[in-house]
Amino acid sequence: MSNALLQTELGNLPLIARGKVRDIYSLGSAPDADLLFVASDRISAFDHVLGSGIPDKGKILTQLSLFWFDFLGDLTRNHLITAEAAQFPAELQPFLSQVAGRSMVVRRAQMFPVECVVRGYLSGSGWKDYQQTGMICGVPLPAGLHESDRLPEPIFTPAAKNNVGHDENISFDQMILTIGREHAVALRTLTLSIYKKASDYAATKGLILADTKFEFGLIDGQITLADEVLTPDSSRYWPAASYSPGGPQPSFDKQYVRDYLESIRWNKQAPAPSLPDEVITRTREKYLEAFRLITGSEELDEGLGV
């Protein structure tokens, strides 16, 4: 197993942002210069980046996003230019050991300040909202639903982006006030269409896509899908064979990490703890399992091209 890449250092390349997982660099000085998205192997839980990474996690996330960008090409534009390191600009070539297989050169978009969340099942913060109000983000739901129940139809439940902590669930009316009715309606329609196509495909692979979130922006005035797409970090995948509503379901994400952190009674304050090897290994296996089921590929692409 390779070592986890926790942080990239790309010489004098301007670092724009270092998020919980991604390091984003500008590939030029112009305001509309292309960007380099590098997915590290960092993993977060309870709003903290942990002291350990998950080897190859960034490659898995990137290559899942590439699969979905291609799969959804008939529904939406996306911001991808290339993920082949051999085609990266010359200034990146000395750093291929850090970026190959886990990076995308993308067009810069004017991002909407909302997360486009769609839910087909009752789970997570949606379940908490439903217990308190009978609704999710102002969308009324039938009485008597249980945790993990399939909803009568998928619902669009946007969230306002929040740079600190969790994003904040908002109503569709609040989304309209934030970005305007035309864009809000277009994003809702597109989000639901993408979810339908993706969840139908996932079902053929023995997976339930319970919910997911997308980010969109404008490039040349057109709505464009950006950032990561339908990865275990942005989506809740459940194995269909063991689906049993009435409680939480096993998922292809950070479940082992969260369970471990709860078991040691971490107070969820900095500094975040490191993880034992067993938890790292089992979490990596879960991410890889999702990658293999969804893409049909057994091996990760090193991204070097031909």
C-alpha atoms as a PDB file:
ATOM      1  CA  MET A   1       0.000   0.000   0.000  1.00  0.00           C
ATOM      2  CA  SER A   2       1.309   3.456  -0.871  1.00  0.00           C
ATOM      3  CA  ASN A   3       1.750   6.187   1.701  1.00  0.00           C
ATOM      4  CA  ALA A   4      -1.035   8.718   2.129  1.00  0.00           C
ATOM      5  CA  LEU A   5      -0.524  12.125   0.503  1.00  0.00           C
ATOM      6  CA  LEU A   6      -1.663  14.601   3.138  1.00  0.00           C
ATOM      7  CA  GLN A   7      -0.553  17.844   1.507  1.00  0.00           C
ATOM      8  CA  THR A   8       0.808  18.928  -1.857  1.00  0.00           C
ATOM      9  CA  GLU A   9       3.709  21.315  -2.329  1.00  0.00           C
ATOM     10  CA  LEU A  10       3.943  22.487  -5.946  1.00  0.00           C
ATOM     11  CA  GLY A  11       6.777  24.984  -5.882  1.00  0.00           C
ATOM     12  CA  ASN A  12       5.758  28.522  -6.808  1.00  0.00           C
ATOM     13  CA  LEU A  13       2.363  27.554  -8.202  1.00  0.00           C
ATOM     14  CA  PRO A  14      -0.222  29.833  -6.532  1.00  0.00           C
ATOM     15  CA  LEU A  15      -2.316  27.937  -3.975  1.00  0.00           C
ATOM     16  CA  ILE A  16      -5.865  29.295  -3.990  1.00  0.00           C
ATOM     17  CA  ALA A  17      -7.443  27.025  -1.399  1.00  0.00           C
ATOM     18  CA  ARG A  18      -6.671  24.033   0.770  1.00  0.00           C
ATOM     19  CA  GLY A  19      -9.918  22.362   1.770  1.00  0.00           C
ATOM     20  CA  LYS A  20     -10.666  19.287   3.814  1.00  0.00           C
ATOM     21  CA  VAL A  21      -9.590  17.117   0.872  1.00  0.00           C
ATOM     22  CA  ARG A  22      -8.653  19.239  -2.148  1.00  0.00           C
ATOM     23  CA  ASP A  23      -5.745  21.564  -2.826  1.00  0.00           C
ATOM     24  CA  ILE A  24      -6.628  24.053  -5.580  1.00  0.00           C
ATOM     25  CA  TYR A  25      -3.968  25.912  -7.558  1.00  0.00           C
ATOM     26  CA  SER A  26      -4.157  28.607 -10.213  1.00  0.00           C
ATOM     27  CA  LEU A  27      -2.433  27.842 -13.512  1.00  0.00           C
ATOM     28  CA  GLY A  28      -1.844  31.466 -14.382  1.00  0.00           C
ATOM     29  CA  SER A  29      -2.168  35.005 -13.111  1.00  0.00           C
ATOM     30  CA  ALA A  30      -5.231  36.022 -15.112  1.00  0.00           C
ATOM     31  CA  PRO A  31      -8.554  36.166 -13.206  1.00  0.00           C
ATOM     32  CA  ASP A  32      -9.985  33.473 -15.489  1.00  0.00           C
ATOM     33  CA  ALA A  33      -6.894  31.238 -15.476  1.00  0.00           C
ATOM     34  CA  ASP A  34      -7.502  27.505 -15.433  1.00  0.00           C
ATOM     35  CA  LEU A  35      -7.275  25.658 -12.120  1.00  0.00           C
ATOM     36  CA  LEU A  36      -5.594  22.488 -10.893  1.00  0.00           C
ATOM     37  CA  PHE A  37      -7.705  20.412  -8.508  1.00  0.00           C
ATOM     38  CA  VAL A  38      -5.620  17.930  -6.503  1.00  0.00           C
ATOM     39  CA  ALA A  39      -7.458  15.434  -4.307  1.00  0.00           C
ATOM     40  CA  SER A  40      -5.269  14.588  -1.327  1.00  0.00           C
ATOM     41  CA  ASP A  41      -5.665  11.521   0.886  1.00  0.00           C
ATOM     42  CA  ARG A  42      -6.867  13.625   3.814  1.00  0.00           C
ATOM     43  CA  ILE A  43     -10.006  12.456   5.556  1.00  0.00           C
ATOM     44  CA  SER A  44     -12.283  14.472   7.791  1.00  0.00           C
ATOM     45  CA  ALA A  45     -14.879  13.528  10.358  1.00  0.00           C
ATOM     46  CA  PHE A  46     -17.064  15.672  12.584  1.00  0.00           C
ATOM     47  CA  ASP A  47     -15.768  18.775  10.752  1.00  0.00           C
ATOM     48  CA  HIS A  48     -12.086  18.096  11.521  1.00  0.00           C
ATOM     49  CA  VAL A  49      -9.312  16.835   9.256  1.00  0.00           C
ATOM     50  CA  LEU A  50      -7.785  13.820  10.966  1.00  0.00           C
ATOM     51  CA  GLY A  51      -4.134  13.190  11.658  1.00  0.00           C
ATOM     52  CA  SER A  52      -4.045  10.168   9.329  1.00  0.00           C
ATOM     53  CA  GLY A  53      -4.884   9.925   5.662  1.00  0.00           C
ATOM     54  CA  ILE A  54      -6.350   7.045   3.640  1.00  0.00           C
ATOM     55  CA  PRO A  55      -3.816   5.929   0.983  1.00  0.00           C
ATOM     56  CA  ASP A  56      -5.104   6.361  -2.601  1.00  0.00           C
ATOM     57  CA  LYS A  57      -8.328   8.036  -1.441  1.00  0.00           C
ATOM     58  CA  GLY A  58      -7.632  11.106  -3.601  1.00  0.00           C
ATOM     59  CA  LYS A  59      -7.081   8.930  -6.659  1.00  0.00           C
ATOM     60  CA  ILE A  60     -10.322   7.072  -6.004  1.00  0.00           C
ATOM     61  CA  LEU A  61     -12.312  10.303  -5.630  1.00  0.00           C
ATOM     62  CA  THR A  62     -10.806  11.846  -8.739  1.00  0.00           C
ATOM     63  CA  GLN A  63     -11.277   8.787 -10.920  1.00  0.00           C
ATOM     64  CA  LEU A  64     -14.859   8.300  -9.765  1.00  0.00           C
ATOM     65  CA  SER A  65     -15.572  11.927 -10.670  1.00  0.00           C
ATOM     66  CA  LEU A  66     -14.008  11.377 -14.108  1.00  0.00           C
ATOM     67  CA  PHE A  67     -16.220   8.334 -14.644  1.00  0.00           C
ATOM     68  CA  TRP A  68     -19.346  10.286 -13.756  1.00  0.00           C
ATOM     69  CA  PHE A  69     -18.383  13.376 -15.784  1.00  0.00           C
ATOM     70  CA  ASP A  70     -18.213  11.108 -18.830  1.00  0.00           C
ATOM     71  CA  PHE A  71     -21.365   9.170 -17.946  1.00  0.00           C
ATOM     72  CA  LEU A  72     -23.402  12.350 -17.481  1.00  0.00           C
ATOM     73  CA  GLY A  73     -22.086  14.100 -20.566  1.00  0.00           C
ATOM     74  CA  ASP A  74     -25.449  13.999 -22.326  1.00  0.00           C
ATOM     75  CA  LEU A  75     -27.122  15.848 -19.430  1.00  0.00           C
ATOM     76  CA  THR A  76     -24.654  18.529 -18.432  1.00  0.00           C
ATOM     77  CA  ARG A  77     -21.465  20.346 -19.284  1.00  0.00           C
ATOM     78  CA  ASN A  78     -18.590  20.005 -16.840  1.00  0.00           C
ATOM     79  CA  HIS A  79     -15.436  21.941 -16.090  1.00  0.00           C
ATOM     80  CA  LEU A  80     -12.879  19.214 -16.924  1.00  0.00           C
ATOM     81  CA  ILE A  81     -10.074  19.981 -19.395  1.00  0.00           C
ATOM     82  CA  THR A  82      -7.810  16.973 -18.782  1.00  0.00           C
ATOM     83  CA  ALA A  83      -6.805  14.511 -16.084  1.00  0.00           C
ATOM     84  CA  GLU A  84      -3.858  13.070 -18.040  1.00  0.00           C
ATOM     85  CA  ALA A  85      -0.672  14.238 -16.352  1.00  0.00           C
ATOM     86  CA  ALA A  86       1.240  14.050 -19.641  1.00  0.00           C
ATOM     87  CA  GLN A  87      -1.045  16.821 -20.913  1.00  0.00           C
ATOM     88  CA  PHE A  88      -0.586  19.031 -17.854  1.00  0.00           C
ATOM     89  CA  PRO A  89       1.249  22.363 -18.286  1.00  0.00           C
ATOM     90  CA  ALA A  90       5.040  22.285 -18.206  1.00  0.00           C
ATOM     91  CA  GLU A  91       5.239  23.838 -14.745  1.00  0.00           C
ATOM     92  CA  LEU A  92       3.472  20.771 -13.316  1.00  0.00           C
ATOM     93  CA  GLN A  93       5.748  18.153 -14.836  1.00  0.00           C
ATOM     94  CA  PRO A  94       8.311  18.219 -11.968  1.00  0.00           C
ATOM     95  CA  PHE A  95       5.498  17.360  -9.552  1.00  0.00           C
ATOM     96  CA  LEU A  96       3.927  14.358 -11.277  1.00  0.00           C
ATOM     97  CA  SER A  97       4.638  12.097  -8.299  1.00  0.00           C
ATOM     98  CA  GLN A  98       2.238  14.251  -6.292  1.00  0.00           C
ATOM     99  CA  VAL A  99      -0.455  15.019  -8.855  1.00  0.00           C
ATOM    100  CA  ALA A 100      -0.693  12.098 -11.313  1.00  0.00           C
ATOM    101  CA  GLY A 101      -3.885  10.074 -11.010  1.00  0.00           C
ATOM    102  CA  ARG A 102      -5.438  12.407  -8.437  1.00  0.00           C
ATOM    103  CA  SER A 103      -5.687  15.715 -10.300  1.00  0.00           C
ATOM    104  CA  MET A 104      -7.780  17.525 -12.871  1.00  0.00           C
ATOM    105  CA  VAL A 105      -7.025  20.635 -14.879  1.00  0.00           C
ATOM    106  CA  VAL A 106     -10.342  22.442 -15.054  1.00  0.00           C
ATOM    107  CA  ARG A 107     -11.849  25.646 -16.348  1.00  0.00           C
ATOM    108  CA  ARG A 108     -12.541  28.258 -13.706  1.00  0.00           C
ATOM    109  CA  ALA A 109     -16.243  28.740 -13.082  1.00  0.00           C
ATOM    110  CA  GLN A 110     -18.244  31.415 -11.326  1.00  0.00           C
ATOM    111  CA  MET A 111     -19.591  29.101  -8.650  1.00  0.00           C
ATOM    112  CA  PHE A 112     -23.101  29.304  -7.249  1.00  0.00           C
ATOM    113  CA  PRO A 113     -23.019  29.748  -3.449  1.00  0.00           C
ATOM    114  CA  VAL A 114     -25.342  26.780  -2.916  1.00  0.00           C
ATOM    115  CA  GLU A 115     -24.986  23.022  -2.690  1.00  0.00           C
ATOM    116  CA  CYS A 116     -27.516  21.193  -4.845  1.00  0.00           C
ATOM    117  CA  VAL A 117     -28.623  18.287  -2.657  1.00  0.00           C
ATOM    118  CA  VAL A 118     -31.037  15.584  -3.772  1.00  0.00           C
ATOM    119  CA  ARG A 119     -32.445  12.901  -1.507  1.00  0.00           C
ATOM    120  CA  GLY A 120     -34.149   9.697  -2.535  1.00  0.00           C
ATOM    121  CA  TYR A 121     -34.117   8.177   0.947  1.00  0.00           C
ATOM    122  CA  LEU A 122     -34.611   9.489   4.475  1.00  0.00           C
ATOM    123  CA  SER A 123     -31.222   9.649   6.171  1.00  0.00           C
ATOM    124  CA  GLY A 124     -28.640  11.906   7.766  1.00  0.00           C
ATOM    125  CA  SER A 125     -29.631  15.508   8.468  1.00  0.00           C
ATOM    126  CA  GLY A 126     -32.818  14.927   6.446  1.00  0.00           C
ATOM    127  CA  TRP A 127     -33.943  12.283   8.940  1.00  0.00           C
ATOM    128  CA  LYS A 128     -33.246  14.671  11.828  1.00  0.00           C
ATOM    129  CA  ASP A 129     -35.232  17.447  10.136  1.00  0.00           C
ATOM    130  CA  TYR A 130     -38.117  15.098   9.415  1.00  0.00           C
ATOM    131  CA  GLN A 131     -38.291  13.924  13.041  1.00  0.00           C
ATOM    132  CA  GLN A 132     -38.557  17.526  14.225  1.00  0.00           C
ATOM    133  CA  THR A 133     -40.776  19.074  11.545  1.00  0.00           C
ATOM    134  CA  GLY A 134     -42.180  16.387   9.246  1.00  0.00           C
ATOM    135  CA  MET A 135     -40.345  18.183   6.438  1.00  0.00           C
ATOM    136  CA  ILE A 136     -36.878  18.499   4.905  1.00  0.00           C
ATOM    137  CA  CYS A 137     -35.835  22.019   3.917  1.00  0.00           C
ATOM    138  CA  GLY A 138     -39.489  23.042   3.844  1.00  0.00           C
ATOM    139  CA  VAL A 139     -40.543  20.084   1.676  1.00  0.00           C
ATOM    140  CA  PRO A 140     -43.463  18.323   3.424  1.00  0.00           C
ATOM    141  CA  LEU A 141     -43.283  14.527   3.607  1.00  0.00           C
ATOM    142  CA  PRO A 142     -45.859  11.863   4.526  1.00  0.00           C
ATOM    143  CA  ALA A 143     -46.258  11.055   8.206  1.00  0.00           C
ATOM    144  CA  GLY A 144     -44.994   7.772   9.617  1.00  0.00           C
ATOM    145  CA  LEU A 145     -41.787   7.394   7.621  1.00  0.00           C
ATOM    146  CA  HIS A 146     -38.858   5.528   9.180  1.00  0.00           C
ATOM    147  CA  GLU A 147     -35.118   6.154   9.006  1.00  0.00           C
ATOM    148  CA  SER A 148     -33.702   5.041   5.637  1.00  0.00           C
ATOM    149  CA  ASP A 149     -37.152   4.724   4.033  1.00  0.00           C
ATOM    150  CA  ARG A 150     -37.333   5.388   0.322  1.00  0.00           C
ATOM    151  CA  LEU A 151     -39.130   8.684  -0.301  1.00  0.00           C
ATOM    152  CA  PRO A 152     -42.243   8.740  -2.511  1.00  0.00           C
ATOM    153  CA  GLU A 153     -40.098  10.618  -5.034  1.00  0.00           C
ATOM    154  CA  PRO A 154     -36.644  12.239  -4.874  1.00  0.00           C
ATOM    155  CA  ILE A 155     -36.643  15.734  -3.380  1.00  0.00           C
ATOM    156  CA  PHE A 156     -34.353  18.715  -3.944  1.00  0.00           C
ATOM    157  CA  THR A 157     -33.052  20.152  -0.668  1.00  0.00           C
ATOM    158  CA  PRO A 158     -30.446  22.876  -1.233  1.00  0.00           C
ATOM    159  CA  ALA A 159     -27.846  24.019   1.261  1.00  0.00           C
ATOM    160  CA  ALA A 160     -25.994  27.293   1.661  1.00  0.00           C
ATOM    161  CA  LYS A 161     -22.229  26.869   1.465  1.00  0.00           C
ATOM    162  CA  ASN A 162     -20.504  27.393   4.757  1.00  0.00           C
ATOM    163  CA  ASN A 163     -16.723  27.601   4.975  1.00  0.00           C
ATOM    164  CA  VAL A 164     -16.827  26.687   8.662  1.00  0.00           C
ATOM    165  CA  GLY A 165     -18.505  23.466   9.711  1.00  0.00           C
ATOM    166  CA  HIS A 166     -21.499  21.938   7.989  1.00  0.00           C
ATOM    167  CA  ASP A 167     -23.377  23.572   5.144  1.00  0.00           C
ATOM    168  CA  GLU A 168     -26.738  24.985   6.194  1.00  0.00           C
ATOM    169  CA  ASN A 169     -29.943  23.483   4.816  1.00  0.00           C
ATOM    170  CA  ILE A 170     -32.144  26.134   3.209  1.00  0.00           C
ATOM    171  CA  SER A 171     -35.547  26.197   1.521  1.00  0.00           C
ATOM    172  CA  PHE A 172     -35.976  26.503  -2.228  1.00  0.00           C
ATOM    173  CA  ASP A 173     -37.430  29.986  -1.663  1.00  0.00           C
ATOM    174  CA  GLN A 174     -34.202  30.979   0.108  1.00  0.00           C
ATOM    175  CA  MET A 175     -32.232  29.601  -2.835  1.00  0.00           C
ATOM    176  CA  ILE A 176     -34.276  31.781  -5.191  1.00  0.00           C
ATOM    177  CA  LEU A 177     -33.447  34.829  -3.078  1.00  0.00           C
ATOM    178  CA  THR A 178     -29.755  33.892  -3.209  1.00  0.00           C
ATOM    179  CA  ILE A 179     -29.230  33.174  -6.919  1.00  0.00           C
ATOM    180  CA  GLY A 180     -32.466  34.153  -8.673  1.00  0.00           C
ATOM    181  CA  ARG A 181     -35.481  32.167  -9.819  1.00  0.00           C
ATOM    182  CA  GLU A 182     -34.213  31.253 -13.291  1.00  0.00           C
ATOM    183  CA  HIS A 183     -30.988  29.700 -12.073  1.00  0.00           C
ATOM    184  CA  ALA A 184     -32.645  28.077  -9.051  1.00  0.00           C
ATOM    185  CA  VAL A 185     -35.264  26.340 -11.197  1.00  0.00           C
ATOM    186  CA  ALA A 186     -32.652  25.253 -13.742  1.00  0.00           C
ATOM    187  CA  LEU A 187     -30.370  23.815 -11.056  1.00  0.00           C
ATOM    188  CA  ARG A 188     -33.230  21.958  -9.380  1.00  0.00           C
ATOM    189  CA  THR A 189     -34.323  20.401 -12.676  1.00  0.00           C
ATOM    190  CA  LEU A 190     -30.764  19.446 -13.620  1.00  0.00           C
ATOM    191  CA  THR A 191     -29.968  18.030 -10.182  1.00  0.00           C
ATOM    192  CA  LEU A 192     -33.027  15.780 -10.194  1.00  0.00           C
ATOM    193  CA  SER A 193     -32.260  14.606 -13.756  1.00  0.00           C
ATOM    194  CA  ILE A 194     -28.669  13.715 -12.842  1.00  0.00           C
ATOM    195  CA  TYR A 195     -29.813  11.876  -9.720  1.00  0.00           C
ATOM    196  CA  LYS A 196     -32.320   9.838 -11.729  1.00  0.00           C
ATOM    197  CA  LYS A 197     -29.733   8.732 -14.264  1.00  0.00           C
ATOM    198  CA  ALA A 198     -27.039   8.055 -11.655  1.00  0.00           C
ATOM    199  CA  SER A 199     -29.300   6.175  -9.249  1.00  0.00           C
ATOM    200  CA  ASP A 200     -30.690   4.018 -12.050  1.00  0.00           C
ATOM    201  CA  TYR A 201     -27.128   3.120 -13.046  1.00  0.00           C
ATOM    202  CA  ALA A 202     -26.055   2.488  -9.443  1.00  0.00           C
ATOM    203  CA  ALA A 203     -28.979   0.086  -9.040  1.00  0.00           C
ATOM    204  CA  THR A 204     -27.560  -2.078 -11.846  1.00  0.00           C
ATOM    205  CA  LYS A 205     -24.389  -2.403  -9.755  1.00  0.00           C
ATOM    206  CA  GLY A 206     -26.178  -3.458  -6.581  1.00  0.00           C
ATOM    207  CA  LEU A 207     -25.986   0.001  -5.018  1.00  0.00           C
ATOM    208  CA  ILE A 208     -28.603   2.373  -3.639  1.00  0.00           C
ATOM    209  CA  LEU A 209     -27.743   6.044  -4.158  1.00  0.00           C
ATOM    210  CA  ALA A 210     -29.567   7.399  -1.113  1.00  0.00           C
ATOM    211  CA  ASP A 211     -28.582  11.030  -1.546  1.00  0.00           C
ATOM    212  CA  THR A 212     -25.898  13.187  -3.092  1.00  0.00           C
ATOM    213  CA  LYS A 213     -24.848  16.784  -3.593  1.00  0.00           C
ATOM    214  CA  PHE A 214     -23.556  18.680  -6.604  1.00  0.00           C
ATOM    215  CA  GLU A 215     -21.842  21.992  -7.167  1.00  0.00           C
ATOM    216  CA  PHE A 216     -22.462  24.077 -10.251  1.00  0.00           C
ATOM    217  CA  GLY A 217     -21.065  27.277 -11.675  1.00  0.00           C
ATOM    218  CA  LEU A 218     -21.263  29.424 -14.771  1.00  0.00           C
ATOM    219  CA  ILE A 219     -18.690  29.174 -17.566  1.00  0.00           C
ATOM    220  CA  ASP A 220     -19.338  31.468 -20.542  1.00  0.00           C
ATOM    221  CA  GLY A 221     -22.760  32.083 -19.030  1.00  0.00           C
ATOM    222  CA  GLN A 222     -23.742  28.400 -19.104  1.00  0.00           C
ATOM    223  CA  ILE A 223     -24.488  26.172 -16.115  1.00  0.00           C
ATOM    224  CA  THR A 224     -21.589  23.754 -15.623  1.00  0.00           C
ATOM    225  CA  LEU A 225     -21.095  20.814 -13.262  1.00  0.00           C
ATOM    226  CA  ALA A 226     -17.938  21.232 -11.176  1.00  0.00           C
ATOM    227  CA  ASP A 227     -15.904  19.885  -8.261  1.00  0.00           C
ATOM    228  CA  GLU A 228     -16.355  16.221  -7.280  1.00  0.00           C
ATOM    229  CA  VAL A 229     -19.284  14.186  -8.564  1.00  0.00           C
ATOM    230  CA  LEU A 230     -21.047  11.182  -7.008  1.00  0.00           C
ATOM    231  CA  THR A 231     -18.114  10.059  -4.869  1.00  0.00           C
ATOM    232  CA  PRO A 232     -18.467   8.385  -1.456  1.00  0.00           C
ATOM    233  CA  ASP A 233     -17.466  11.743   0.069  1.00  0.00           C
ATOM    234  CA  SER A 234     -20.349  13.619  -1.566  1.00  0.00           C
ATOM    235  CA  SER A 235     -22.905  10.806  -1.756  1.00  0.00           C
ATOM    236  CA  ARG A 236     -24.498   8.165   0.425  1.00  0.00           C
ATOM    237  CA  TYR A 237     -24.205   4.734  -1.235  1.00  0.00           C
ATOM    238  CA  TRP A 238     -25.749   1.677   0.387  1.00  0.00           C
ATOM    239  CA  PRO A 239     -25.449  -1.989  -0.633  1.00  0.00           C
ATOM    240  CA  ALA A 240     -28.870  -2.949  -2.002  1.00  0.00           C
ATOM    241  CA  ALA A 241     -28.578  -6.564  -0.855  1.00  0.00           C
ATOM    242  CA  SER A 242     -28.582  -5.629   2.825  1.00  0.00           C
ATOM    243  CA  TYR A 243     -30.996  -2.677   2.641  1.00  0.00           C
ATOM    244  CA  SER A 244     -33.338  -2.755   5.636  1.00  0.00           C
ATOM    245  CA  PRO A 245     -35.180   0.479   6.524  1.00  0.00           C
ATOM    246  CA  GLY A 246     -35.854   1.373  10.122  1.00  0.00           C
ATOM    247  CA  GLY A 247     -32.335   2.426  11.076  1.00  0.00           C
ATOM    248  CA  PRO A 248     -28.989   3.514   9.607  1.00  0.00           C
ATOM    249  CA  GLN A 249     -27.520   1.498   6.726  1.00  0.00           C
ATOM    250  CA  PRO A 250     -23.923   0.404   6.098  1.00  0.00           C
ATOM    251  CA  SER A 251     -22.319   2.756   3.596  1.00  0.00           C
ATOM    252  CA  PHE A 252     -19.270   3.093   1.366  1.00  0.00           C
ATOM    253  CA  ASP A 253     -17.614   5.983   3.125  1.00  0.00           C
ATOM    254  CA  LYS A 254     -16.166   6.962   6.495  1.00  0.00           C
ATOM    255  CA  GLN A 255     -18.268   4.628   8.607  1.00  0.00           C
ATOM    256  CA  TYR A 256     -15.277   2.830  10.135  1.00  0.00           C
ATOM    257  CA  VAL A 257     -13.649   6.178  10.894  1.00  0.00           C
ATOM    258  CA  ARG A 258     -16.713   7.621  12.606  1.00  0.00           C
ATOM    259  CA  ASP A 259     -17.292   4.406  14.561  1.00  0.00           C
ATOM    260  CA  TYR A 260     -13.688   4.402  15.782  1.00  0.00           C
ATOM    261  CA  LEU A 261     -13.791   8.053  16.828  1.00  0.00           C
ATOM    262  CA  GLU A 262     -17.001   7.444  18.763  1.00  0.00           C
ATOM    263  CA  SER A 263     -15.456   4.394  20.428  1.00  0.00           C
ATOM    264  CA  ILE A 264     -12.514   6.404  21.801  1.00  0.00           C
ATOM    265  CA  ARG A 265     -14.902   9.153  22.943  1.00  0.00           C
ATOM    266  CA  TRP A 266     -12.999  11.903  21.180  1.00  0.00           C
ATOM    267  CA  ASN A 267     -14.444  15.279  22.211  1.00  0.00           C
ATOM    268  CA  LYS A 268     -14.557  16.413  18.527  1.00  0.00           C
ATOM    269  CA  GLN A 269     -12.256  19.324  19.264  1.00  0.00           C
ATOM    270  CA  ALA A 270      -8.832  20.035  17.757  1.00  0.00           C
ATOM    271  CA  PRO A 271      -6.370  18.435  17.567  1.00  0.00           C
ATOM    272  CA  ALA A 272      -7.985  15.574  15.698  1.00  0.00           C
ATOM    273  CA  PRO A 273      -6.583  12.118  16.478  1.00  0.00           C
ATOM    274  CA  SER A 274      -4.760   9.775  14.130  1.00  0.00           C
ATOM    275  CA  LEU A 275      -6.240   6.435  13.120  1.00  0.00           C
ATOM    276  CA  PRO A 276      -4.984   2.910  13.807  1.00  0.00           C
ATOM    277  CA  ASP A 277      -3.783   0.889  10.811  1.00  0.00           C
ATOM    278  CA  GLU A 278      -6.811  -1.416  10.882  1.00  0.00           C
ATOM    279  CA  VAL A 279      -9.270   1.486  10.514  1.00  0.00           C
ATOM    280  CA  ILE A 280      -7.178   3.002   7.716  1.00  0.00           C
ATOM    281  CA  THR A 281      -7.047  -0.322   5.858  1.00  0.00           C
ATOM    282  CA  ARG A 282     -10.759  -1.076   6.207  1.00  0.00           C
ATOM    283  CA  THR A 283     -11.734   2.452   5.141  1.00  0.00           C
ATOM    284  CA  ARG A 284      -9.485   2.264   2.080  1.00  0.00           C
ATOM    285  CA  GLU A 285     -11.057  -1.082   1.170  1.00  0.00           C
ATOM    286  CA  LYS A 286     -14.547   0.467   1.340  1.00  0.00           C
ATOM    287  CA  TYR A 287     -13.580   3.328  -0.980  1.00  0.00           C
ATOM    288  CA  LEU A 288     -11.948   0.871  -3.383  1.00  0.00           C
ATOM    289  CA  GLU A 289     -15.004  -1.367  -3.324  1.00  0.00           C
ATOM    290  CA  ALA A 290     -17.216   1.562  -4.317  1.00  0.00           C
ATOM    291  CA  PHE A 291     -14.784   2.481  -7.107  1.00  0.00           C
ATOM    292  CA  ARG A 292     -14.741  -1.055  -8.500  1.00  0.00           C
ATOM    293  CA  LEU A 293     -18.496  -1.549  -8.316  1.00  0.00           C
ATOM    294  CA  ILE A 294     -19.291   1.773  -9.994  1.00  0.00           C
ATOM    295  CA  THR A 295     -16.605   1.910 -12.686  1.00  0.00           C
ATOM    296  CA  GLY A 296     -16.083  -1.798 -13.364  1.00  0.00           C
ATOM    297  CA  SER A 297     -12.310  -1.152 -13.154  1.00  0.00           C
ATOM    298  CA  GLU A 298     -10.129  -3.271 -10.929  1.00  0.00           C
ATOM    299  CA  GLU A 299      -7.106  -0.967 -10.860  1.00  0.00           C
ATOM    300  CA  LEU A 300      -6.654   2.743 -10.362  1.00  0.00           C
ATOM    301  CA  ASP A 301      -5.303   4.728 -13.291  1.00  0.00           C
ATOM    302  CA  GLU A 302      -1.963   6.343 -12.521  1.00  0.00           C
ATOM    303  CA  GLY A 303      -2.996   9.228 -14.783  1.00  0.00           C
ATOM    304  CA  LEU A 304       0.217   9.408 -16.756  1.00  0.00           C
ATOM    305  CA  GLY A 305      -1.395   9.008 -20.191  1.00  0.00           C
ATOM    306  CA  VAL A 306       0.440   7.564 -23.148  1.00  0.00           C
END
